[in-house]
């Protein structure tokens, strides 16, 4: 019965106009409900169940088991949950602050990119299995000469908080606003930014080795060794393409996002993972 009541309230909220729903309190209420719903979806694995139970769920995360585990962990850890609520509340206050509905939507889109980018460093360390001396070097290169242990803890907390806020902001765009084009483009952008950050992190490790043979101890097995000049020279172009895509998406024109050019640049860095391509509408 509680689940039915929650679903009904979400449906009602989804049908309301933006100017009625986008207050800080309502945005926080929806975000909390979305996290609970995501955490409870852990056993759901099949695409059939996902399609029937979550017809409008954002494409970038909600049905993924890893995302469900992340939401469940945050909700079970009271201090972590309180930290997230404080930080997410600040973000949602920024979304609710403008008086014009269109400006609220713009601020919400900006939050998706802010949180997506903030969680990238720890995701790189985790997904590329960077450990030992390589991880210590990368932490210093990214964040300066800070206490290593404290910095690592801080980045893990930032990852947890930002990842959960990203889920919620993405869901607000997809489920509440019904902006399927933005959510689809955001999923593609997330893949593209992950590949960019992988190239960036790998280039830092490659530059660190200099003339030494092999990657530093604990570097990812797929990371380049020795001279990282080739990848480094392409990074400004990758950043520029991502910036252009963000501008199109924030302004409400995700169909103009050029992921094809990004794909060509990734191939030039040696990254062979194929990115989805969004072609401009005729």
Protein backbone atom coordinates (compact mmCIF):
# COMPACT_ATOMS: atom_id res chain seq x y z
CA UNK A 1 0.00 0.00 0.00
CA UNK A 2 2.84 2.38 0.84
CA UNK A 3 4.45 1.70 -2.52
CA UNK A 4 1.18 2.39 -4.29
CA UNK A 5 0.75 5.64 -2.39
CA UNK A 6 4.27 6.73 -3.28
CA UNK A 7 3.73 5.90 -6.94
CA UNK A 8 0.49 7.85 -6.95
CA UNK A 9 2.15 10.91 -5.41
CA UNK A 10 4.98 10.71 -7.93
CA UNK A 11 2.52 10.49 -10.78
CA UNK A 12 0.62 13.48 -9.44
CA UNK A 13 3.85 15.46 -9.07
CA UNK A 14 4.86 14.48 -12.60
CA UNK A 15 1.65 15.93 -14.03
CA UNK A 16 2.01 19.27 -12.29
CA UNK A 17 3.43 22.25 -14.18
CA UNK A 18 7.04 23.14 -13.51
CA UNK A 19 6.19 26.39 -11.73
CA UNK A 20 4.02 24.50 -9.20
CA UNK A 21 6.44 21.65 -8.49
CA UNK A 22 9.90 23.15 -8.51
CA UNK A 23 10.26 24.35 -4.94
CA UNK A 24 13.19 23.26 -2.81
CA UNK A 25 10.91 21.18 -0.56
CA UNK A 26 9.21 19.36 -3.42
CA UNK A 27 12.46 18.74 -5.26
CA UNK A 28 13.94 17.26 -2.09
CA UNK A 29 10.81 15.19 -1.50
CA UNK A 30 10.99 13.76 -4.99
CA UNK A 31 14.72 13.10 -4.72
CA UNK A 32 14.29 11.18 -1.45
CA UNK A 33 11.45 9.14 -2.94
CA UNK A 34 13.49 8.38 -6.03
CA UNK A 35 16.43 7.14 -3.96
CA UNK A 36 14.16 4.87 -1.93
CA UNK A 37 12.54 3.53 -5.08
CA UNK A 38 15.94 2.94 -6.69
CA UNK A 39 17.31 1.19 -3.58
CA UNK A 40 14.29 -1.13 -3.51
CA UNK A 41 14.80 -2.06 -7.17
CA UNK A 42 17.95 -4.11 -6.49
CA UNK A 43 16.41 -7.51 -7.30
CA UNK A 44 15.02 -6.21 -10.60
CA UNK A 45 17.25 -7.51 -13.39
CA UNK A 46 15.14 -8.17 -16.48
CA UNK A 47 14.40 -5.52 -19.08
CA UNK A 48 10.74 -6.64 -19.18
CA UNK A 49 10.22 -5.81 -15.50
CA UNK A 50 12.04 -2.51 -15.90
CA UNK A 51 9.85 -1.50 -18.82
CA UNK A 52 6.59 -2.29 -17.05
CA UNK A 53 7.37 -0.96 -13.58
CA UNK A 54 9.33 2.17 -14.60
CA UNK A 55 7.91 3.35 -17.92
CA UNK A 56 9.59 6.76 -17.86
CA UNK A 57 12.73 6.06 -15.81
CA UNK A 58 15.83 7.94 -17.03
CA UNK A 59 17.96 5.90 -19.37
CA UNK A 60 21.32 6.62 -17.76
CA UNK A 61 21.02 4.75 -14.49
CA UNK A 62 17.85 3.76 -12.65
CA UNK A 63 17.64 0.06 -13.61
CA UNK A 64 21.33 -0.70 -13.01
CA UNK A 65 22.08 -2.92 -9.99
CA UNK A 66 25.20 -0.88 -9.15
CA UNK A 67 23.06 2.25 -8.89
CA UNK A 68 20.54 0.47 -6.67
CA UNK A 69 23.32 -0.66 -4.33
CA UNK A 70 24.69 2.87 -4.18
CA UNK A 71 21.30 4.33 -3.24
CA UNK A 72 20.75 1.61 -0.64
CA UNK A 73 24.14 2.22 0.94
CA UNK A 74 23.54 5.95 1.22
CA UNK A 75 20.11 5.50 2.78
CA UNK A 76 21.40 3.00 5.34
CA UNK A 77 24.30 5.20 6.46
CA UNK A 78 22.72 7.97 8.53
CA UNK A 79 25.72 10.37 8.61
CA UNK A 80 26.28 9.89 4.88
CA UNK A 81 22.58 10.41 4.19
CA UNK A 82 22.55 13.60 6.23
CA UNK A 83 25.63 14.89 4.42
CA UNK A 84 24.00 14.14 1.06
CA UNK A 85 20.71 15.79 2.09
CA UNK A 86 22.56 18.97 3.05
CA UNK A 87 24.56 19.13 -0.19
CA UNK A 88 21.67 18.06 -2.41
CA UNK A 89 19.40 20.57 -0.68
CA UNK A 90 21.83 23.34 -1.60
CA UNK A 91 21.76 22.21 -5.23
CA UNK A 92 17.97 21.99 -5.30
CA UNK A 93 17.68 25.43 -3.72
CA UNK A 94 19.66 26.75 -6.68
CA UNK A 95 17.23 25.05 -9.05
CA UNK A 96 14.15 26.44 -7.28
CA UNK A 97 15.51 29.99 -6.86
CA UNK A 98 14.73 31.48 -10.31
CA UNK A 99 11.21 32.79 -10.84
CA UNK A 100 10.94 31.81 -14.52
CA UNK A 101 10.16 28.11 -15.10
CA UNK A 102 12.57 27.96 -18.05
CA UNK A 103 15.39 29.18 -15.81
CA UNK A 104 14.59 26.48 -13.24
CA UNK A 105 14.90 23.86 -15.95
CA UNK A 106 18.22 25.32 -17.07
CA UNK A 107 19.57 25.21 -13.51
CA UNK A 108 18.47 21.59 -13.14
CA UNK A 109 20.28 20.63 -16.32
CA UNK A 110 23.41 22.35 -15.01
CA UNK A 111 23.20 20.28 -11.82
CA UNK A 112 23.29 17.05 -13.85
CA UNK A 113 26.61 18.07 -15.39
CA UNK A 114 28.05 19.44 -12.13
CA UNK A 115 27.39 16.19 -10.26
CA UNK A 116 28.41 13.97 -13.18
CA UNK A 117 31.80 15.71 -13.37
CA UNK A 118 32.32 15.69 -9.59
CA UNK A 119 32.01 11.93 -9.32
CA UNK A 120 34.43 11.25 -12.17
CA UNK A 121 37.78 11.20 -10.28
CA UNK A 122 36.83 8.44 -7.87
CA UNK A 123 35.08 6.49 -10.64
CA UNK A 124 38.32 6.56 -12.62
CA UNK A 125 40.35 5.25 -9.67
CA UNK A 126 37.77 2.53 -9.05
CA UNK A 127 37.05 1.43 -12.61
CA UNK A 128 40.68 1.51 -13.73
CA UNK A 129 41.82 -0.25 -10.53
CA UNK A 130 44.52 2.35 -9.84
CA UNK A 131 46.35 1.39 -6.63
CA UNK A 132 49.65 1.83 -4.82
CA UNK A 133 52.19 4.41 -6.01
CA UNK A 134 50.14 5.22 -9.12
CA UNK A 135 47.12 6.15 -7.03
CA UNK A 136 49.19 8.31 -4.71
CA UNK A 137 50.69 10.14 -7.68
CA UNK A 138 47.29 10.66 -9.31
CA UNK A 139 45.77 12.02 -6.10
CA UNK A 140 48.60 14.54 -5.86
CA UNK A 141 48.31 15.46 -9.54
CA UNK A 142 44.56 16.02 -9.32
CA UNK A 143 44.20 17.61 -5.90
CA UNK A 144 47.58 18.99 -4.92
CA UNK A 145 49.82 18.21 -1.96
CA UNK A 146 47.12 17.29 0.54
CA UNK A 147 47.04 14.51 3.09
CA UNK A 148 46.65 11.37 0.95
CA UNK A 149 44.37 9.41 3.28
CA UNK A 150 42.09 12.37 4.01
CA UNK A 151 41.88 13.25 0.33
CA UNK A 152 40.95 9.69 -0.60
CA UNK A 153 38.19 9.62 2.03
CA UNK A 154 36.92 13.02 0.90
CA UNK A 155 36.79 11.93 -2.73
CA UNK A 156 34.89 8.76 -1.84
CA UNK A 157 32.32 10.79 0.09
CA UNK A 158 32.09 13.27 -2.79
CA UNK A 159 31.55 10.39 -5.20
CA UNK A 160 28.75 8.90 -3.10
CA UNK A 161 26.99 12.23 -2.69
CA UNK A 162 27.45 13.40 -6.28
CA UNK A 163 26.44 10.07 -7.78
CA UNK A 164 23.18 10.06 -5.83
CA UNK A 165 22.47 13.70 -6.67
CA UNK A 166 23.16 12.92 -10.33
CA UNK A 167 20.61 10.09 -10.23
CA UNK A 168 17.99 12.38 -8.77
CA UNK A 169 18.63 15.28 -11.13
CA UNK A 170 18.59 12.93 -14.10
CA UNK A 171 15.29 11.45 -12.93
CA UNK A 172 13.79 14.91 -12.42
CA UNK A 173 14.64 15.73 -16.04
CA UNK A 174 13.35 12.43 -17.39
CA UNK A 175 10.42 11.54 -15.16
CA UNK A 176 9.10 14.88 -13.94
CA UNK A 177 9.85 17.07 -16.94
CA UNK A 178 9.33 14.22 -19.39
CA UNK A 179 12.38 15.42 -21.33
CA UNK A 180 13.31 12.14 -22.99
CA UNK A 181 15.61 13.83 -25.52
CA UNK A 182 17.72 15.38 -22.76
CA UNK A 183 17.86 12.15 -20.75
CA UNK A 184 18.95 10.18 -23.81
CA UNK A 185 21.63 12.72 -24.67
CA UNK A 186 22.74 12.77 -21.01
CA UNK A 187 23.29 9.02 -21.04
CA UNK A 188 25.46 9.40 -24.14
CA UNK A 189 27.28 12.36 -22.60
CA UNK A 190 27.99 10.32 -19.46
CA UNK A 191 29.65 7.63 -21.58
CA UNK A 192 31.60 10.25 -23.50
CA UNK A 193 32.79 12.04 -20.36
CA UNK A 194 33.85 8.74 -18.80
CA UNK A 195 36.00 8.05 -21.86
CA UNK A 196 37.41 11.58 -21.71
CA UNK A 197 38.35 11.23 -18.05
CA UNK A 198 39.89 7.84 -18.75
CA UNK A 199 42.07 9.40 -21.46
CA UNK A 200 42.91 12.27 -19.09
CA UNK A 201 43.84 10.01 -16.17
CA UNK A 202 45.82 7.65 -18.37
CA UNK A 203 47.73 10.57 -19.89
CA UNK A 204 48.69 11.81 -16.40
CA UNK A 205 50.06 8.38 -15.52
CA UNK A 206 51.85 8.09 -18.86
CA UNK A 207 53.44 11.52 -18.42
CA UNK A 208 54.55 10.53 -14.92
CA UNK A 209 56.51 7.56 -16.23
CA UNK A 210 58.42 9.81 -18.64
CA UNK A 211 61.24 7.82 -20.13
CA UNK A 212 60.77 4.96 -17.66
CA UNK A 213 59.62 1.68 -19.11
CA UNK A 214 56.17 0.45 -18.12
CA UNK A 215 53.46 2.08 -16.06
CA UNK A 216 53.97 3.00 -12.40
CA UNK A 217 53.23 0.34 -9.82
CA UNK A 218 49.48 0.06 -9.41
CA UNK A 219 48.65 1.78 -12.72
CA UNK A 220 45.72 0.35 -14.71
CA UNK A 221 46.76 -2.46 -17.03
CA UNK A 222 45.20 -0.70 -20.01
CA UNK A 223 46.91 2.62 -19.34
CA UNK A 224 49.55 3.79 -21.78
CA UNK A 225 53.16 3.71 -20.64
CA UNK A 226 56.00 6.03 -21.51
CA UNK A 227 55.19 9.04 -23.70
CA UNK A 228 51.63 10.29 -23.31
CA UNK A 229 52.08 13.21 -25.71
CA UNK A 230 49.64 11.87 -28.31
CA UNK A 231 46.71 11.55 -25.91
CA UNK A 232 47.56 14.81 -24.15
CA UNK A 233 47.54 16.73 -27.43
CA UNK A 234 43.98 15.59 -28.13
CA UNK A 235 42.57 16.37 -24.69
CA UNK A 236 41.85 20.07 -25.47
CA UNK A 237 39.79 19.00 -28.48
CA UNK A 238 37.89 16.47 -26.38
CA UNK A 239 37.17 19.13 -23.76
CA UNK A 240 36.00 21.57 -26.41
CA UNK A 241 33.63 19.02 -27.96
CA UNK A 242 32.18 18.15 -24.54
CA UNK A 243 31.74 21.85 -23.73
CA UNK A 244 29.89 22.41 -27.02
CA UNK A 245 27.63 19.43 -26.38
CA UNK A 246 26.85 20.69 -22.86
CA UNK A 247 25.90 24.09 -24.20
CA UNK A 248 23.49 22.54 -26.70
CA UNK A 249 21.95 20.33 -24.02
CA UNK A 250 21.59 23.07 -21.41
CA UNK A 251 19.94 25.36 -23.96
CA UNK A 252 17.38 22.68 -24.81
CA UNK A 253 18.86 21.46 -28.09
CA UNK A 254 20.28 18.00 -27.31
CA UNK A 255 19.63 16.86 -30.88
CA UNK A 256 22.53 19.07 -31.99
CA UNK A 257 25.01 17.14 -29.84
CA UNK A 258 27.84 15.87 -32.04
CA UNK A 259 28.97 12.60 -30.52
CA UNK A 260 30.35 11.44 -33.89
CA UNK A 261 33.27 13.88 -33.70
CA UNK A 262 33.98 12.73 -30.14
CA UNK A 263 34.05 9.12 -31.34
CA UNK A 264 36.68 9.98 -33.94
CA UNK A 265 38.81 11.74 -31.33
CA UNK A 266 38.60 8.80 -28.92
CA UNK A 267 39.72 6.47 -31.67
CA UNK A 268 42.71 8.75 -32.24
CA UNK A 269 43.70 8.34 -28.57
CA UNK A 270 43.56 4.57 -28.94
CA UNK A 271 40.22 4.21 -27.14
CA UNK A 272 38.15 1.79 -29.17
CA UNK A 273 34.90 1.82 -27.21
CA UNK A 274 32.08 2.83 -29.53
CA UNK A 275 29.96 5.77 -28.40
CA UNK A 276 26.31 6.18 -29.35
CA UNK A 277 25.77 8.81 -32.01
CA UNK A 278 22.94 11.32 -31.99
CA UNK A 279 22.31 12.68 -35.45
CA UNK A 280 20.81 16.16 -35.82
CA UNK A 281 17.15 16.07 -36.65
CA UNK A 282 16.29 17.12 -40.19
